[in-house]
Amino acid sequence: MAARTPFSYQVSAYDCVPISFINALAYLFERDDIPPLVIQKIYLYCLDTVTAQGELGHGTTGLAVALLGNWLQKYREGSFALSTTYLDREKVNCTGRSQLEECLNRKGTALVRLHTGKKLWHYVLALSMDDEWFYAFDPCRRKKKSIVKGAVEYLLDAREQQPNLRIRRQWLDTLSNRKRFALGTLRERECLLIERPKLNECYPG
């Protein structure tokens, strides 16, 4: 089996979504199975926000994430096929047997939006969960191991496609926008599940 492409980090302060999409593809496929059109579409859809000053590209909206997920769901080429599910509000959680955890248990992945303070939001790539922790790849490279003492840790020794961030599940599911690296209030929650469909679920678009 060919080696997977290592995860990539952001090249600016605003491209966490397109980089996380590309990391999701690297996690699910070998390099030769990823069509170049898919990479092109990721950058066409993303970085669509407009600031109050009329500046374009300072982030990616949830609408763009949902639209790109819908496009990826329909696109087929060779062995490339994806199943995506956009979740928002109360559907995004990590308590009990959530849709997010079930996707990760099937070896899928997910783009998950986290609150990072000062009304800022940031997407990470979910990789796994255990009874206590949520593990993800954060495309923003960080220098400190402890982000929130006892609740959010940056794993400095992560390699290739290993998680570099872990968050206590209880902290992650906090219904508040005042805690860093939490899902936040129900109104603000967004997530895109991404996985490879079973062979009998693949069909021409």
C-alpha atoms as a PDB file:
ATOM      1  CA  MET A   1       0.000   0.000   0.000  1.00  0.00           C
ATOM      2  CA  ALA A   2       1.383   3.408  -0.996  1.00  0.00           C
ATOM      3  CA  ALA A   3       2.252   5.892   1.734  1.00  0.00           C
ATOM      4  CA  ARG A   4      -0.273   8.618   2.445  1.00  0.00           C
ATOM      5  CA  THR A   5       0.591  12.277   1.923  1.00  0.00           C
ATOM      6  CA  PRO A   6       1.486  14.029   5.211  1.00  0.00           C
ATOM      7  CA  PHE A   7      -0.966  16.622   6.498  1.00  0.00           C
ATOM      8  CA  SER A   8      -0.331  20.256   5.568  1.00  0.00           C
ATOM      9  CA  TYR A   9      -0.424  23.453   7.629  1.00  0.00           C
ATOM     10  CA  GLN A  10      -1.981  26.800   6.779  1.00  0.00           C
ATOM     11  CA  VAL A  11       0.040  29.244   4.723  1.00  0.00           C
ATOM     12  CA  SER A  12      -1.978  32.264   5.908  1.00  0.00           C
ATOM     13  CA  ALA A  13      -4.200  33.207   8.857  1.00  0.00           C
ATOM     14  CA  TYR A  14      -7.386  32.447   6.920  1.00  0.00           C
ATOM     15  CA  ASP A  15      -7.063  29.194   4.939  1.00  0.00           C
ATOM     16  CA  CYS A  16      -7.902  26.619   7.639  1.00  0.00           C
ATOM     17  CA  VAL A  17     -10.906  25.359   5.640  1.00  0.00           C
ATOM     18  CA  PRO A  18      -9.280  24.648   2.245  1.00  0.00           C
ATOM     19  CA  ILE A  19      -6.223  23.126   3.919  1.00  0.00           C
ATOM     20  CA  SER A  20      -8.469  20.933   6.098  1.00  0.00           C
ATOM     21  CA  PHE A  21     -10.383  19.781   3.013  1.00  0.00           C
ATOM     22  CA  ILE A  22      -7.116  18.836   1.312  1.00  0.00           C
ATOM     23  CA  ASN A  23      -5.942  17.048   4.465  1.00  0.00           C
ATOM     24  CA  ALA A  24      -9.226  15.108   4.482  1.00  0.00           C
ATOM     25  CA  LEU A  25      -8.510  13.924   0.939  1.00  0.00           C
ATOM     26  CA  ALA A  26      -4.952  12.973   1.898  1.00  0.00           C
ATOM     27  CA  TYR A  27      -6.338  10.994   4.841  1.00  0.00           C
ATOM     28  CA  LEU A  28      -8.887   9.069   2.768  1.00  0.00           C
ATOM     29  CA  PHE A  29      -7.057   8.563  -0.557  1.00  0.00           C
ATOM     30  CA  GLU A  30      -3.673   7.850  -2.040  1.00  0.00           C
ATOM     31  CA  ARG A  31      -2.242  10.776  -3.960  1.00  0.00           C
ATOM     32  CA  ASP A  32      -2.799   9.323  -7.435  1.00  0.00           C
ATOM     33  CA  ASP A  33      -6.515   8.796  -6.724  1.00  0.00           C
ATOM     34  CA  ILE A  34      -7.256  12.502  -6.071  1.00  0.00           C
ATOM     35  CA  PRO A  35      -8.447  14.285  -9.257  1.00  0.00           C
ATOM     36  CA  PRO A  36      -6.916  17.748  -9.840  1.00  0.00           C
ATOM     37  CA  LEU A  37     -10.421  19.149 -10.461  1.00  0.00           C
ATOM     38  CA  VAL A  38     -11.277  18.421  -6.819  1.00  0.00           C
ATOM     39  CA  ILE A  39      -8.352  20.536  -5.589  1.00  0.00           C
ATOM     40  CA  GLN A  40      -9.398  23.336  -7.947  1.00  0.00           C
ATOM     41  CA  LYS A  41     -12.985  23.255  -6.666  1.00  0.00           C
ATOM     42  CA  ILE A  42     -11.850  23.444  -3.044  1.00  0.00           C
ATOM     43  CA  TYR A  43     -10.133  26.762  -3.633  1.00  0.00           C
ATOM     44  CA  LEU A  44     -12.955  28.071  -5.832  1.00  0.00           C
ATOM     45  CA  TYR A  45     -15.536  27.512  -3.089  1.00  0.00           C
ATOM     46  CA  CYS A  46     -13.460  28.531  -0.069  1.00  0.00           C
ATOM     47  CA  LEU A  47     -12.185  31.904   1.221  1.00  0.00           C
ATOM     48  CA  ASP A  48     -15.518  33.537   0.351  1.00  0.00           C
ATOM     49  CA  THR A  49     -16.038  35.833   3.345  1.00  0.00           C
ATOM     50  CA  VAL A  50     -16.263  39.614   3.038  1.00  0.00           C
ATOM     51  CA  THR A  51     -15.282  41.841   5.985  1.00  0.00           C
ATOM     52  CA  ALA A  52     -17.108  44.979   7.084  1.00  0.00           C
ATOM     53  CA  GLN A  53     -14.443  46.897   5.160  1.00  0.00           C
ATOM     54  CA  GLY A  54     -15.240  44.984   1.962  1.00  0.00           C
ATOM     55  CA  GLU A  55     -12.127  42.809   2.064  1.00  0.00           C
ATOM     56  CA  LEU A  56     -12.566  39.399   0.454  1.00  0.00           C
ATOM     57  CA  GLY A  57     -11.117  36.093   1.576  1.00  0.00           C
ATOM     58  CA  HIS A  58     -10.643  36.522   5.318  1.00  0.00           C
ATOM     59  CA  GLY A  59     -12.071  33.075   6.017  1.00  0.00           C
ATOM     60  CA  THR A  60     -14.670  30.631   4.702  1.00  0.00           C
ATOM     61  CA  THR A  61     -18.403  30.647   5.444  1.00  0.00           C
ATOM     62  CA  GLY A  62     -20.406  27.669   6.614  1.00  0.00           C
ATOM     63  CA  LEU A  63     -22.449  28.005   3.434  1.00  0.00           C
ATOM     64  CA  ALA A  64     -19.333  27.437   1.332  1.00  0.00           C
ATOM     65  CA  VAL A  65     -18.444  24.366   3.401  1.00  0.00           C
ATOM     66  CA  ALA A  66     -21.951  22.952   2.867  1.00  0.00           C
ATOM     67  CA  LEU A  67     -21.943  23.711  -0.876  1.00  0.00           C
ATOM     68  CA  LEU A  68     -18.511  22.159  -1.383  1.00  0.00           C
ATOM     69  CA  GLY A  69     -19.587  19.108   0.581  1.00  0.00           C
ATOM     70  CA  ASN A  70     -22.611  18.767  -1.703  1.00  0.00           C
ATOM     71  CA  TRP A  71     -20.412  19.025  -4.820  1.00  0.00           C
ATOM     72  CA  LEU A  72     -17.979  16.416  -3.476  1.00  0.00           C
ATOM     73  CA  GLN A  73     -20.887  14.088  -2.738  1.00  0.00           C
ATOM     74  CA  LYS A  74     -21.947  14.156  -6.392  1.00  0.00           C
ATOM     75  CA  TYR A  75     -18.544  14.112  -8.114  1.00  0.00           C
ATOM     76  CA  ARG A  76     -17.149  10.758  -9.287  1.00  0.00           C
ATOM     77  CA  GLU A  77     -13.961  10.027 -11.211  1.00  0.00           C
ATOM     78  CA  GLY A  78     -12.143   6.706 -11.358  1.00  0.00           C
ATOM     79  CA  SER A  79     -11.867   5.347  -7.823  1.00  0.00           C
ATOM     80  CA  PHE A  80     -12.653   8.764  -6.325  1.00  0.00           C
ATOM     81  CA  ALA A  81     -16.007   8.905  -4.526  1.00  0.00           C
ATOM     82  CA  LEU A  82     -17.047  10.579  -1.286  1.00  0.00           C
ATOM     83  CA  SER A  83     -20.031  10.577   1.025  1.00  0.00           C
ATOM     84  CA  THR A  84     -20.548  13.855   2.898  1.00  0.00           C
ATOM     85  CA  THR A  85     -23.070  15.025   5.485  1.00  0.00           C
ATOM     86  CA  TYR A  86     -23.381  18.640   6.647  1.00  0.00           C
ATOM     87  CA  LEU A  87     -24.449  18.993  10.272  1.00  0.00           C
ATOM     88  CA  ASP A  88     -25.362  22.090  12.234  1.00  0.00           C
ATOM     89  CA  ARG A  89     -26.876  23.207  15.528  1.00  0.00           C
ATOM     90  CA  GLU A  90     -27.898  20.373  17.898  1.00  0.00           C
ATOM     91  CA  LYS A  91     -26.754  17.699  15.413  1.00  0.00           C
ATOM     92  CA  VAL A  92     -23.127  18.640  16.160  1.00  0.00           C
ATOM     93  CA  ASN A  93     -22.146  17.070  19.469  1.00  0.00           C
ATOM     94  CA  CYS A  94     -19.852  14.475  20.990  1.00  0.00           C
ATOM     95  CA  THR A  95     -22.070  13.026  23.685  1.00  0.00           C
ATOM     96  CA  GLY A  96     -23.430   9.497  23.429  1.00  0.00           C
ATOM     97  CA  ARG A  97     -23.355   7.891  19.993  1.00  0.00           C
ATOM     98  CA  SER A  98     -23.258  11.049  17.906  1.00  0.00           C
ATOM     99  CA  GLN A  99     -23.150  11.127  14.103  1.00  0.00           C
ATOM    100  CA  LEU A 100     -19.657  12.575  14.355  1.00  0.00           C
ATOM    101  CA  GLU A 101     -18.349   9.703  16.464  1.00  0.00           C
ATOM    102  CA  GLU A 102     -20.032   7.102  14.254  1.00  0.00           C
ATOM    103  CA  CYS A 103     -18.362   8.603  11.161  1.00  0.00           C
ATOM    104  CA  LEU A 104     -14.934   8.526  12.840  1.00  0.00           C
ATOM    105  CA  ASN A 105     -15.496   4.920  13.935  1.00  0.00           C
ATOM    106  CA  ARG A 106     -16.088   4.040  10.266  1.00  0.00           C
ATOM    107  CA  LYS A 107     -12.614   5.490   9.495  1.00  0.00           C
ATOM    108  CA  GLY A 108     -14.125   8.660   8.080  1.00  0.00           C
ATOM    109  CA  THR A 109     -13.136  12.187   9.040  1.00  0.00           C
ATOM    110  CA  ALA A 110     -14.825  15.549   9.533  1.00  0.00           C
ATOM    111  CA  LEU A 111     -14.268  19.271   9.323  1.00  0.00           C
ATOM    112  CA  VAL A 112     -15.312  20.651  12.710  1.00  0.00           C
ATOM    113  CA  ARG A 113     -15.672  24.334  13.578  1.00  0.00           C
ATOM    114  CA  LEU A 114     -14.313  25.407  16.969  1.00  0.00           C
ATOM    115  CA  HIS A 115     -14.484  28.694  18.841  1.00  0.00           C
ATOM    116  CA  THR A 116     -10.983  30.065  19.449  1.00  0.00           C
ATOM    117  CA  GLY A 117     -11.716  33.291  21.309  1.00  0.00           C
ATOM    118  CA  LYS A 118     -12.515  36.925  20.472  1.00  0.00           C
ATOM    119  CA  LYS A 119     -15.415  35.915  18.196  1.00  0.00           C
ATOM    120  CA  LEU A 120     -13.028  33.932  15.994  1.00  0.00           C
ATOM    121  CA  TRP A 121     -13.808  30.488  14.563  1.00  0.00           C
ATOM    122  CA  HIS A 122     -11.405  27.881  13.294  1.00  0.00           C
ATOM    123  CA  TYR A 123     -11.786  24.543  11.485  1.00  0.00           C
ATOM    124  CA  VAL A 124      -9.857  21.399  12.410  1.00  0.00           C
ATOM    125  CA  LEU A 125      -9.889  17.896  10.927  1.00  0.00           C
ATOM    126  CA  ALA A 126     -11.445  15.341  13.299  1.00  0.00           C
ATOM    127  CA  LEU A 127      -9.676  11.964  13.311  1.00  0.00           C
ATOM    128  CA  SER A 128     -10.843   9.901  16.284  1.00  0.00           C
ATOM    129  CA  MET A 129     -12.386   9.836  19.753  1.00  0.00           C
ATOM    130  CA  ASP A 130     -12.006   7.708  22.849  1.00  0.00           C
ATOM    131  CA  ASP A 131     -14.041   7.788  26.047  1.00  0.00           C
ATOM    132  CA  GLU A 132     -12.323  10.951  27.240  1.00  0.00           C
ATOM    133  CA  TRP A 133     -10.654  12.757  24.340  1.00  0.00           C
ATOM    134  CA  PHE A 134     -11.423  14.125  20.871  1.00  0.00           C
ATOM    135  CA  TYR A 135      -8.389  13.936  18.531  1.00  0.00           C
ATOM    136  CA  ALA A 136      -7.892  16.177  15.509  1.00  0.00           C
ATOM    137  CA  PHE A 137      -5.352  17.755  13.194  1.00  0.00           C
ATOM    138  CA  ASP A 138      -5.155  21.512  13.687  1.00  0.00           C
ATOM    139  CA  PRO A 139      -3.800  23.163  10.496  1.00  0.00           C
ATOM    140  CA  CYS A 140      -2.536  26.116  12.536  1.00  0.00           C
ATOM    141  CA  ARG A 141       0.908  25.230  13.841  1.00  0.00           C
ATOM    142  CA  ARG A 142       1.244  26.048  17.553  1.00  0.00           C
ATOM    143  CA  LYS A 143       4.230  26.280  19.886  1.00  0.00           C
ATOM    144  CA  LYS A 144       2.683  25.595  23.308  1.00  0.00           C
ATOM    145  CA  LYS A 145       1.673  22.105  24.433  1.00  0.00           C
ATOM    146  CA  SER A 146      -0.960  23.317  26.907  1.00  0.00           C
ATOM    147  CA  ILE A 147      -3.583  25.534  25.251  1.00  0.00           C
ATOM    148  CA  VAL A 148      -6.196  25.219  28.013  1.00  0.00           C
ATOM    149  CA  LYS A 149      -4.736  23.514  31.088  1.00  0.00           C
ATOM    150  CA  GLY A 150      -6.202  20.060  31.576  1.00  0.00           C
ATOM    151  CA  ALA A 151      -8.657  20.406  28.672  1.00  0.00           C
ATOM    152  CA  VAL A 152      -6.923  21.273  25.393  1.00  0.00           C
ATOM    153  CA  GLU A 153      -3.458  20.003  24.476  1.00  0.00           C
ATOM    154  CA  TYR A 154      -1.303  20.494  21.392  1.00  0.00           C
ATOM    155  CA  LEU A 155       0.678  17.346  20.575  1.00  0.00           C
ATOM    156  CA  LEU A 156       4.046  18.689  19.512  1.00  0.00           C
ATOM    157  CA  ASP A 157       5.496  15.338  18.426  1.00  0.00           C
ATOM    158  CA  ALA A 158       2.752  14.530  15.869  1.00  0.00           C
ATOM    159  CA  ARG A 159       4.039  13.170  12.539  1.00  0.00           C
ATOM    160  CA  GLU A 160       2.690  12.523   9.051  1.00  0.00           C
ATOM    161  CA  GLN A 161      -1.058  11.952   9.569  1.00  0.00           C
ATOM    162  CA  GLN A 162      -1.171  11.807  13.359  1.00  0.00           C
ATOM    163  CA  PRO A 163      -3.436  14.108  15.416  1.00  0.00           C
ATOM    164  CA  ASN A 164      -1.672  17.170  16.785  1.00  0.00           C
ATOM    165  CA  LEU A 165      -4.565  18.349  18.981  1.00  0.00           C
ATOM    166  CA  ARG A 166      -6.650  16.685  21.650  1.00  0.00           C
ATOM    167  CA  ILE A 167      -9.607  18.143  23.532  1.00  0.00           C
ATOM    168  CA  ARG A 168     -11.533  16.651  26.436  1.00  0.00           C
ATOM    169  CA  ARG A 169     -14.964  15.688  25.138  1.00  0.00           C
ATOM    170  CA  GLN A 170     -16.733  17.384  28.023  1.00  0.00           C
ATOM    171  CA  TRP A 171     -14.917  20.636  27.258  1.00  0.00           C
ATOM    172  CA  LEU A 172     -15.504  20.320  23.495  1.00  0.00           C
ATOM    173  CA  ASP A 173     -19.259  20.026  23.972  1.00  0.00           C
ATOM    174  CA  THR A 174     -19.519  23.225  26.045  1.00  0.00           C
ATOM    175  CA  LEU A 175     -22.592  25.328  25.228  1.00  0.00           C
ATOM    176  CA  SER A 176     -20.722  28.604  25.403  1.00  0.00           C
ATOM    177  CA  ASN A 177     -18.725  30.826  23.070  1.00  0.00           C
ATOM    178  CA  ARG A 178     -16.474  31.912  25.924  1.00  0.00           C
ATOM    179  CA  LYS A 179     -14.373  28.753  26.023  1.00  0.00           C
ATOM    180  CA  ARG A 180     -11.545  28.335  23.526  1.00  0.00           C
ATOM    181  CA  PHE A 181     -11.568  25.189  21.380  1.00  0.00           C
ATOM    182  CA  ALA A 182     -15.188  24.332  22.178  1.00  0.00           C
ATOM    183  CA  LEU A 183     -18.102  23.748  19.787  1.00  0.00           C
ATOM    184  CA  GLY A 184     -19.964  26.694  21.306  1.00  0.00           C
ATOM    185  CA  THR A 185     -23.678  27.421  21.418  1.00  0.00           C
ATOM    186  CA  LEU A 186     -26.070  25.270  19.381  1.00  0.00           C
ATOM    187  CA  ARG A 187     -26.807  28.176  17.040  1.00  0.00           C
ATOM    188  CA  GLU A 188     -23.125  28.412  16.050  1.00  0.00           C
ATOM    189  CA  ARG A 189     -22.221  24.748  15.580  1.00  0.00           C
ATOM    190  CA  GLU A 190     -21.148  23.426  12.162  1.00  0.00           C
ATOM    191  CA  CYS A 191     -19.507  20.225  10.962  1.00  0.00           C
ATOM    192  CA  LEU A 192     -19.023  18.346   7.681  1.00  0.00           C
ATOM    193  CA  LEU A 193     -18.672  14.565   7.823  1.00  0.00           C
ATOM    194  CA  ILE A 194     -16.510  13.106   5.027  1.00  0.00           C
ATOM    195  CA  GLU A 195     -15.982   9.422   4.287  1.00  0.00           C
ATOM    196  CA  ARG A 196     -15.562   6.966   1.466  1.00  0.00           C
ATOM    197  CA  PRO A 197     -18.830   5.201   0.605  1.00  0.00           C
ATOM    198  CA  LYS A 198     -19.118   1.456   0.531  1.00  0.00           C
ATOM    199  CA  LEU A 199     -18.562  -0.096  -2.897  1.00  0.00           C
ATOM    200  CA  ASN A 200     -22.269  -0.798  -3.408  1.00  0.00           C
ATOM    201  CA  GLU A 201     -23.058   2.847  -2.649  1.00  0.00           C
ATOM    202  CA  CYS A 202     -20.838   4.247  -5.429  1.00  0.00           C
ATOM    203  CA  TYR A 203     -22.712   5.354  -8.503  1.00  0.00           C
ATOM    204  CA  PRO A 204     -22.097   7.681 -11.443  1.00  0.00           C
ATOM    205  CA  GLY A 205     -22.905  11.337 -10.696  1.00  0.00           C
END
